[in-house]
């Protein structure tokens, strides 16, 4: 069976999108793995890293790996989309195909720009970890790590929701411009699948922060008690559970 150049390009683009998404997801999943015995530490460091510091260090390390993998995937996918879009524009077909080709070219250029940005700039987790490591006081560094984990988790949730919404919009736009025929369904279906994943699966920062909160030692928390006394009047007290 013979295949046309157009069919081969479509298959290549679909493989790049699906494999790229899978590799990026795998890299992000590894970022939330809790720290183990093999946590590397300078032998000259006197203070044992706190649990929050270990989680932040591991999250930053895996974030760097995910950023590099994601940058490479974006460059590869962008190149494939760009080639596919140019091939669509060169075909003398209907207006819908021309509009679809222009949309694919724009997506390819955006993917190339995103890949270059990811490879050139450190992520927020890496920058935060580098800044916190400069703190000399262990107690202050631990509190900074706790705050950073909570802040990064909140930012990660906002990022995946907004990113999922953008991908969903791109999927709808691709389906509207390219049509939903079997030959054109690959790109919008792939974008829609990644958007659904972004909505349903928590970010690595969210997972890491939740894992840290579950594993950190229980701290005594004071509770203010206020109520009516048995013989009239008011009662005010302070209780603490150890």
C-alpha atoms as a PDB file:
ATOM      1  CA  UNK A   1       0.000   0.000   0.000  1.00  0.00           C
ATOM      2  CA  UNK A   2       1.395   3.389  -1.004  1.00  0.00           C
ATOM      3  CA  UNK A   3       1.142   6.441   1.228  1.00  0.00           C
ATOM      4  CA  UNK A   4       1.181  10.051   0.099  1.00  0.00           C
ATOM      5  CA  UNK A   5       3.540  12.649   1.532  1.00  0.00           C
ATOM      6  CA  UNK A   6       0.609  14.322   3.243  1.00  0.00           C
ATOM      7  CA  UNK A   7      -0.367  11.118   5.042  1.00  0.00           C
ATOM      8  CA  UNK A   8       3.214  10.517   6.158  1.00  0.00           C
ATOM      9  CA  UNK A   9       3.487  14.067   7.521  1.00  0.00           C
ATOM     10  CA  UNK A  10       0.226  13.684   9.421  1.00  0.00           C
ATOM     11  CA  UNK A  11       1.415  10.447  10.967  1.00  0.00           C
ATOM     12  CA  UNK A  12       4.730  12.044  11.947  1.00  0.00           C
ATOM     13  CA  UNK A  13       2.992  15.005  13.582  1.00  0.00           C
ATOM     14  CA  UNK A  14       0.651  12.730  15.539  1.00  0.00           C
ATOM     15  CA  UNK A  15       3.570  10.637  16.781  1.00  0.00           C
ATOM     16  CA  UNK A  16       5.495  13.762  17.865  1.00  0.00           C
ATOM     17  CA  UNK A  17       2.516  15.177  19.748  1.00  0.00           C
ATOM     18  CA  UNK A  18       1.588  11.936  21.509  1.00  0.00           C
ATOM     19  CA  UNK A  19       5.132  10.854  22.346  1.00  0.00           C
ATOM     20  CA  UNK A  20       6.092  14.371  23.398  1.00  0.00           C
ATOM     21  CA  UNK A  21       3.125  14.596  25.748  1.00  0.00           C
ATOM     22  CA  UNK A  22       3.906  11.193  27.224  1.00  0.00           C
ATOM     23  CA  UNK A  23       7.561  12.064  27.835  1.00  0.00           C
ATOM     24  CA  UNK A  24       6.660  15.392  29.428  1.00  0.00           C
ATOM     25  CA  UNK A  25       4.052  13.705  31.662  1.00  0.00           C
ATOM     26  CA  UNK A  26       6.589  11.069  32.737  1.00  0.00           C
ATOM     27  CA  UNK A  27       9.142  13.726  33.614  1.00  0.00           C
ATOM     28  CA  UNK A  28       6.607  15.689  35.629  1.00  0.00           C
ATOM     29  CA  UNK A  29       5.384  12.620  37.500  1.00  0.00           C
ATOM     30  CA  UNK A  30       8.921  11.894  38.664  1.00  0.00           C
ATOM     31  CA  UNK A  31       9.143  15.375  40.157  1.00  0.00           C
ATOM     32  CA  UNK A  32       6.637  14.501  42.874  1.00  0.00           C
ATOM     33  CA  UNK A  33       8.438  11.347  44.103  1.00  0.00           C
ATOM     34  CA  UNK A  34       9.199  11.724  47.833  1.00  0.00           C
ATOM     35  CA  UNK A  35      12.859  11.978  48.822  1.00  0.00           C
ATOM     36  CA  UNK A  36      14.596   8.822  49.919  1.00  0.00           C
ATOM     37  CA  UNK A  37      17.766   7.695  51.623  1.00  0.00           C
ATOM     38  CA  UNK A  38      19.893   8.637  48.654  1.00  0.00           C
ATOM     39  CA  UNK A  39      19.423  12.399  49.068  1.00  0.00           C
ATOM     40  CA  UNK A  40      22.779  13.903  48.189  1.00  0.00           C
ATOM     41  CA  UNK A  41      24.345  16.300  50.684  1.00  0.00           C
ATOM     42  CA  UNK A  42      27.702  17.938  51.020  1.00  0.00           C
ATOM     43  CA  UNK A  43      29.840  16.028  53.522  1.00  0.00           C
ATOM     44  CA  UNK A  44      30.960  19.262  55.089  1.00  0.00           C
ATOM     45  CA  UNK A  45      27.382  20.351  55.807  1.00  0.00           C
ATOM     46  CA  UNK A  46      26.771  20.179  59.528  1.00  0.00           C
ATOM     47  CA  UNK A  47      23.029  20.526  59.575  1.00  0.00           C
ATOM     48  CA  UNK A  48      20.878  17.679  58.339  1.00  0.00           C
ATOM     49  CA  UNK A  49      18.477  19.006  55.684  1.00  0.00           C
ATOM     50  CA  UNK A  50      14.926  19.309  56.946  1.00  0.00           C
ATOM     51  CA  UNK A  51      12.087  17.362  55.379  1.00  0.00           C
ATOM     52  CA  UNK A  52      10.783  20.480  53.621  1.00  0.00           C
ATOM     53  CA  UNK A  53      14.245  21.214  52.243  1.00  0.00           C
ATOM     54  CA  UNK A  54      14.556  17.678  50.887  1.00  0.00           C
ATOM     55  CA  UNK A  55      11.210  17.883  49.113  1.00  0.00           C
ATOM     56  CA  UNK A  56      12.045  21.270  47.607  1.00  0.00           C
ATOM     57  CA  UNK A  57      15.506  20.112  46.517  1.00  0.00           C
ATOM     58  CA  UNK A  58      14.130  17.023  44.814  1.00  0.00           C
ATOM     59  CA  UNK A  59      11.311  18.988  43.199  1.00  0.00           C
ATOM     60  CA  UNK A  60      13.803  21.516  41.818  1.00  0.00           C
ATOM     61  CA  UNK A  61      16.058  18.773  40.481  1.00  0.00           C
ATOM     62  CA  UNK A  62      13.240  16.960  38.703  1.00  0.00           C
ATOM     63  CA  UNK A  63      11.820  20.262  37.501  1.00  0.00           C
ATOM     64  CA  UNK A  64      15.119  20.946  35.759  1.00  0.00           C
ATOM     65  CA  UNK A  65      14.979  17.547  34.059  1.00  0.00           C
ATOM     66  CA  UNK A  66      11.362  18.097  33.034  1.00  0.00           C
ATOM     67  CA  UNK A  67      12.172  21.565  31.707  1.00  0.00           C
ATOM     68  CA  UNK A  68      14.951  20.231  29.476  1.00  0.00           C
ATOM     69  CA  UNK A  69      12.860  17.323  28.231  1.00  0.00           C
ATOM     70  CA  UNK A  70       9.903  19.622  27.628  1.00  0.00           C
ATOM     71  CA  UNK A  71      12.071  22.091  25.728  1.00  0.00           C
ATOM     72  CA  UNK A  72      13.371  19.363  23.444  1.00  0.00           C
ATOM     73  CA  UNK A  73       9.879  17.978  22.871  1.00  0.00           C
ATOM     74  CA  UNK A  74       8.529  21.449  22.038  1.00  0.00           C
ATOM     75  CA  UNK A  75      11.319  22.005  19.521  1.00  0.00           C
ATOM     76  CA  UNK A  76      10.713  18.628  17.860  1.00  0.00           C
ATOM     77  CA  UNK A  77       6.932  19.029  17.821  1.00  0.00           C
ATOM     78  CA  UNK A  78       7.238  22.622  16.591  1.00  0.00           C
ATOM     79  CA  UNK A  79       9.432  21.551  13.710  1.00  0.00           C
ATOM     80  CA  UNK A  80       6.990  18.814  12.723  1.00  0.00           C
ATOM     81  CA  UNK A  81       3.980  21.101  12.950  1.00  0.00           C
ATOM     82  CA  UNK A  82       5.750  23.795  10.969  1.00  0.00           C
ATOM     83  CA  UNK A  83       6.649  21.376   8.183  1.00  0.00           C
ATOM     84  CA  UNK A  84       3.119  19.961   8.131  1.00  0.00           C
ATOM     85  CA  UNK A  85       1.528  23.428   8.037  1.00  0.00           C
ATOM     86  CA  UNK A  86       3.770  24.579   5.189  1.00  0.00           C
ATOM     87  CA  UNK A  87       2.877  21.474   3.216  1.00  0.00           C
ATOM     88  CA  UNK A  88      -0.814  22.262   3.701  1.00  0.00           C
ATOM     89  CA  UNK A  89      -0.312  25.839   2.512  1.00  0.00           C
ATOM     90  CA  UNK A  90       1.514  24.656  -0.603  1.00  0.00           C
ATOM     91  CA  UNK A  91      -1.428  22.477  -1.629  1.00  0.00           C
ATOM     92  CA  UNK A  92      -3.888  24.149  -3.957  1.00  0.00           C
ATOM     93  CA  UNK A  93      -6.992  22.945  -2.204  1.00  0.00           C
ATOM     94  CA  UNK A  94     -10.040  24.535  -0.569  1.00  0.00           C
ATOM     95  CA  UNK A  95      -9.989  27.547   1.727  1.00  0.00           C
ATOM     96  CA  UNK A  96     -10.516  25.426   4.837  1.00  0.00           C
ATOM     97  CA  UNK A  97      -7.283  23.543   4.176  1.00  0.00           C
ATOM     98  CA  UNK A  98      -5.410  26.822   3.701  1.00  0.00           C
ATOM     99  CA  UNK A  99      -6.765  28.215   6.978  1.00  0.00           C
ATOM    100  CA  UNK A 100      -5.903  24.967   8.738  1.00  0.00           C
ATOM    101  CA  UNK A 101      -2.381  25.098   7.347  1.00  0.00           C
ATOM    102  CA  UNK A 102      -1.923  28.657   8.604  1.00  0.00           C
ATOM    103  CA  UNK A 103      -3.158  27.634  12.046  1.00  0.00           C
ATOM    104  CA  UNK A 104      -0.725  24.702  12.171  1.00  0.00           C
ATOM    105  CA  UNK A 105       2.154  26.978  11.121  1.00  0.00           C
ATOM    106  CA  UNK A 106       1.306  29.390  13.946  1.00  0.00           C
ATOM    107  CA  UNK A 107       1.165  26.511  16.436  1.00  0.00           C
ATOM    108  CA  UNK A 108       4.495  25.211  15.183  1.00  0.00           C
ATOM    109  CA  UNK A 109       6.157  28.594  15.540  1.00  0.00           C
ATOM    110  CA  UNK A 110       4.746  28.983  19.038  1.00  0.00           C
ATOM    111  CA  UNK A 111       6.006  25.533  19.986  1.00  0.00           C
ATOM    112  CA  UNK A 112       9.503  26.374  18.732  1.00  0.00           C
ATOM    113  CA  UNK A 113       9.520  29.616  20.721  1.00  0.00           C
ATOM    114  CA  UNK A 114       8.302  27.815  23.843  1.00  0.00           C
ATOM    115  CA  UNK A 115      10.985  25.148  23.479  1.00  0.00           C
ATOM    116  CA  UNK A 116      13.745  27.736  23.170  1.00  0.00           C
ATOM    117  CA  UNK A 117      12.413  29.598  26.211  1.00  0.00           C
ATOM    118  CA  UNK A 118      12.294  26.436  28.327  1.00  0.00           C
ATOM    119  CA  UNK A 119      15.869  25.532  27.489  1.00  0.00           C
ATOM    120  CA  UNK A 120      17.221  29.031  28.072  1.00  0.00           C
ATOM    121  CA  UNK A 121      15.537  30.024  31.345  1.00  0.00           C
ATOM    122  CA  UNK A 122      15.403  28.326  34.740  1.00  0.00           C
ATOM    123  CA  UNK A 123      11.991  27.480  36.117  1.00  0.00           C
ATOM    124  CA  UNK A 124      10.510  29.100  39.256  1.00  0.00           C
ATOM    125  CA  UNK A 125      11.200  26.007  41.364  1.00  0.00           C
ATOM    126  CA  UNK A 126      14.890  26.032  40.454  1.00  0.00           C
ATOM    127  CA  UNK A 127      15.233  29.751  41.144  1.00  0.00           C
ATOM    128  CA  UNK A 128      13.401  29.467  44.457  1.00  0.00           C
ATOM    129  CA  UNK A 129      15.534  26.549  45.619  1.00  0.00           C
ATOM    130  CA  UNK A 130      18.732  28.397  44.677  1.00  0.00           C
ATOM    131  CA  UNK A 131      17.667  31.474  46.648  1.00  0.00           C
ATOM    132  CA  UNK A 132      16.680  29.463  49.720  1.00  0.00           C
ATOM    133  CA  UNK A 133      19.926  27.494  49.767  1.00  0.00           C
ATOM    134  CA  UNK A 134      21.749  30.774  50.372  1.00  0.00           C
ATOM    135  CA  UNK A 135      20.007  31.154  53.763  1.00  0.00           C
ATOM    136  CA  UNK A 136      22.468  30.240  56.526  1.00  0.00           C
ATOM    137  CA  UNK A 137      20.081  29.727  59.444  1.00  0.00           C
ATOM    138  CA  UNK A 138      18.580  26.162  59.333  1.00  0.00           C
ATOM    139  CA  UNK A 139      15.307  27.119  61.041  1.00  0.00           C
ATOM    140  CA  UNK A 140      14.772  30.081  58.736  1.00  0.00           C
ATOM    141  CA  UNK A 141      15.668  27.943  55.737  1.00  0.00           C
ATOM    142  CA  UNK A 142      13.129  25.296  56.768  1.00  0.00           C
ATOM    143  CA  UNK A 143      10.358  27.889  57.102  1.00  0.00           C
ATOM    144  CA  UNK A 144      11.299  29.322  53.722  1.00  0.00           C
ATOM    145  CA  UNK A 145      11.098  25.848  52.174  1.00  0.00           C
ATOM    146  CA  UNK A 146       7.649  25.266  53.678  1.00  0.00           C
ATOM    147  CA  UNK A 147       6.393  28.583  52.342  1.00  0.00           C
ATOM    148  CA  UNK A 148       7.951  27.870  48.951  1.00  0.00           C
ATOM    149  CA  UNK A 149       6.285  24.456  48.674  1.00  0.00           C
ATOM    150  CA  UNK A 150       2.882  25.951  49.482  1.00  0.00           C
ATOM    151  CA  UNK A 151       3.403  28.887  47.107  1.00  0.00           C
ATOM    152  CA  UNK A 152       4.627  26.674  44.255  1.00  0.00           C
ATOM    153  CA  UNK A 153       1.689  24.305  44.752  1.00  0.00           C
ATOM    154  CA  UNK A 154      -0.773  27.191  44.488  1.00  0.00           C
ATOM    155  CA  UNK A 155       1.003  28.529  41.414  1.00  0.00           C
ATOM    156  CA  UNK A 156       1.110  25.052  39.874  1.00  0.00           C
ATOM    157  CA  UNK A 157      -2.635  24.660  40.245  1.00  0.00           C
ATOM    158  CA  UNK A 158      -3.301  27.997  38.569  1.00  0.00           C
ATOM    159  CA  UNK A 159      -0.860  27.142  35.794  1.00  0.00           C
ATOM    160  CA  UNK A 160      -2.363  23.772  34.933  1.00  0.00           C
ATOM    161  CA  UNK A 161      -5.925  25.152  34.966  1.00  0.00           C
ATOM    162  CA  UNK A 162      -5.046  28.102  32.738  1.00  0.00           C
ATOM    163  CA  UNK A 163      -2.868  25.910  30.501  1.00  0.00           C
ATOM    164  CA  UNK A 164      -5.632  23.342  30.164  1.00  0.00           C
ATOM    165  CA  UNK A 165      -8.070  26.075  29.214  1.00  0.00           C
ATOM    166  CA  UNK A 166      -5.686  27.411  26.568  1.00  0.00           C
ATOM    167  CA  UNK A 167      -5.141  23.931  25.105  1.00  0.00           C
ATOM    168  CA  UNK A 168      -8.881  23.305  25.067  1.00  0.00           C
ATOM    169  CA  UNK A 169      -9.390  26.587  23.180  1.00  0.00           C
ATOM    170  CA  UNK A 170      -6.686  25.586  20.710  1.00  0.00           C
ATOM    171  CA  UNK A 171      -8.364  22.188  20.222  1.00  0.00           C
ATOM    172  CA  UNK A 172     -11.723  23.818  19.492  1.00  0.00           C
ATOM    173  CA  UNK A 173     -10.109  26.317  17.121  1.00  0.00           C
ATOM    174  CA  UNK A 174      -8.237  23.535  15.319  1.00  0.00           C
ATOM    175  CA  UNK A 175     -11.396  21.471  14.946  1.00  0.00           C
ATOM    176  CA  UNK A 176     -13.304  24.491  13.630  1.00  0.00           C
ATOM    177  CA  UNK A 177     -10.638  25.494  11.117  1.00  0.00           C
ATOM    178  CA  UNK A 178      -9.471  22.058   9.970  1.00  0.00           C
ATOM    179  CA  UNK A 179     -12.710  20.113  10.237  1.00  0.00           C
ATOM    180  CA  UNK A 180     -13.382  16.857  12.073  1.00  0.00           C
ATOM    181  CA  UNK A 181     -12.789  14.434   9.231  1.00  0.00           C
ATOM    182  CA  UNK A 182     -10.579  11.409   9.896  1.00  0.00           C
ATOM    183  CA  UNK A 183      -7.660  13.036   8.085  1.00  0.00           C
ATOM    184  CA  UNK A 184      -7.805  16.224  10.203  1.00  0.00           C
ATOM    185  CA  UNK A 185      -8.849  14.948  13.640  1.00  0.00           C
ATOM    186  CA  UNK A 186      -5.322  14.142  14.872  1.00  0.00           C
ATOM    187  CA  UNK A 187      -4.228  17.616  15.981  1.00  0.00           C
ATOM    188  CA  UNK A 188      -7.440  18.739  17.777  1.00  0.00           C
ATOM    189  CA  UNK A 189      -7.829  15.321  19.422  1.00  0.00           C
ATOM    190  CA  UNK A 190      -4.265  15.409  20.734  1.00  0.00           C
ATOM    191  CA  UNK A 191      -4.659  18.957  22.060  1.00  0.00           C
ATOM    192  CA  UNK A 192      -7.937  18.016  23.718  1.00  0.00           C
ATOM    193  CA  UNK A 193      -6.394  14.964  25.384  1.00  0.00           C
ATOM    194  CA  UNK A 194      -3.533  17.007  26.859  1.00  0.00           C
ATOM    195  CA  UNK A 195      -6.025  19.664  28.020  1.00  0.00           C
ATOM    196  CA  UNK A 196      -8.099  17.020  29.801  1.00  0.00           C
ATOM    197  CA  UNK A 197      -4.976  15.693  31.501  1.00  0.00           C
ATOM    198  CA  UNK A 198      -4.099  19.201  32.708  1.00  0.00           C
ATOM    199  CA  UNK A 199      -7.534  19.612  34.264  1.00  0.00           C
ATOM    200  CA  UNK A 200      -7.625  16.228  36.010  1.00  0.00           C
ATOM    201  CA  UNK A 201      -4.050  15.556  37.178  1.00  0.00           C
ATOM    202  CA  UNK A 202      -2.393  17.652  39.865  1.00  0.00           C
ATOM    203  CA  UNK A 203       0.908  19.369  39.129  1.00  0.00           C
ATOM    204  CA  UNK A 204       4.198  18.018  40.584  1.00  0.00           C
ATOM    205  CA  UNK A 205       4.383  20.967  43.000  1.00  0.00           C
ATOM    206  CA  UNK A 206       0.895  20.199  44.296  1.00  0.00           C
ATOM    207  CA  UNK A 207       1.786  16.538  44.789  1.00  0.00           C
ATOM    208  CA  UNK A 208       5.076  17.353  46.492  1.00  0.00           C
ATOM    209  CA  UNK A 209       3.453  19.826  48.888  1.00  0.00           C
ATOM    210  CA  UNK A 210       0.698  17.377  49.758  1.00  0.00           C
ATOM    211  CA  UNK A 211       3.205  14.583  50.354  1.00  0.00           C
ATOM    212  CA  UNK A 212       5.249  16.865  52.604  1.00  0.00           C
ATOM    213  CA  UNK A 213       2.201  17.873  54.646  1.00  0.00           C
ATOM    214  CA  UNK A 214       1.343  14.200  55.141  1.00  0.00           C
ATOM    215  CA  UNK A 215       4.861  13.246  56.255  1.00  0.00           C
ATOM    216  CA  UNK A 216       5.908  16.195  58.402  1.00  0.00           C
ATOM    217  CA  UNK A 217       5.800  15.674  62.183  1.00  0.00           C
ATOM    218  CA  UNK A 218       2.665  16.723  64.004  1.00  0.00           C
ATOM    219  CA  UNK A 219       3.130  20.118  65.612  1.00  0.00           C
ATOM    220  CA  UNK A 220       1.347  21.300  68.754  1.00  0.00           C
ATOM    221  CA  UNK A 221      -1.333  23.792  67.772  1.00  0.00           C
ATOM    222  CA  UNK A 222      -2.899  26.080  70.415  1.00  0.00           C
ATOM    223  CA  UNK A 223      -6.680  26.431  70.350  1.00  0.00           C
ATOM    224  CA  UNK A 224      -8.615  29.305  71.896  1.00  0.00           C
ATOM    225  CA  UNK A 225     -11.770  28.158  73.732  1.00  0.00           C
ATOM    226  CA  UNK A 226     -14.567  30.635  74.350  1.00  0.00           C
ATOM    227  CA  UNK A 227     -18.011  29.909  75.787  1.00  0.00           C
ATOM    228  CA  UNK A 228     -20.513  30.264  78.614  1.00  0.00           C
ATOM    229  CA  UNK A 229     -19.545  29.224  82.137  1.00  0.00           C
ATOM    230  CA  UNK A 230     -21.786  26.744  84.053  1.00  0.00           C
ATOM    231  CA  UNK A 231     -22.759  29.358  86.652  1.00  0.00           C
ATOM    232  CA  UNK A 232     -23.145  32.287  84.304  1.00  0.00           C
ATOM    233  CA  UNK A 233     -20.655  34.594  82.752  1.00  0.00           C
ATOM    234  CA  UNK A 234     -18.126  33.725  80.084  1.00  0.00           C
ATOM    235  CA  UNK A 235     -15.245  31.287  79.965  1.00  0.00           C
ATOM    236  CA  UNK A 236     -12.015  31.833  78.044  1.00  0.00           C
ATOM    237  CA  UNK A 237      -9.230  29.271  77.814  1.00  0.00           C
ATOM    238  CA  UNK A 238      -6.277  28.090  75.780  1.00  0.00           C
ATOM    239  CA  UNK A 239      -5.756  24.405  74.988  1.00  0.00           C
ATOM    240  CA  UNK A 240      -2.956  22.610  73.175  1.00  0.00           C
ATOM    241  CA  UNK A 241      -2.740  19.061  71.829  1.00  0.00           C
ATOM    242  CA  UNK A 242       0.636  17.250  71.806  1.00  0.00           C
END
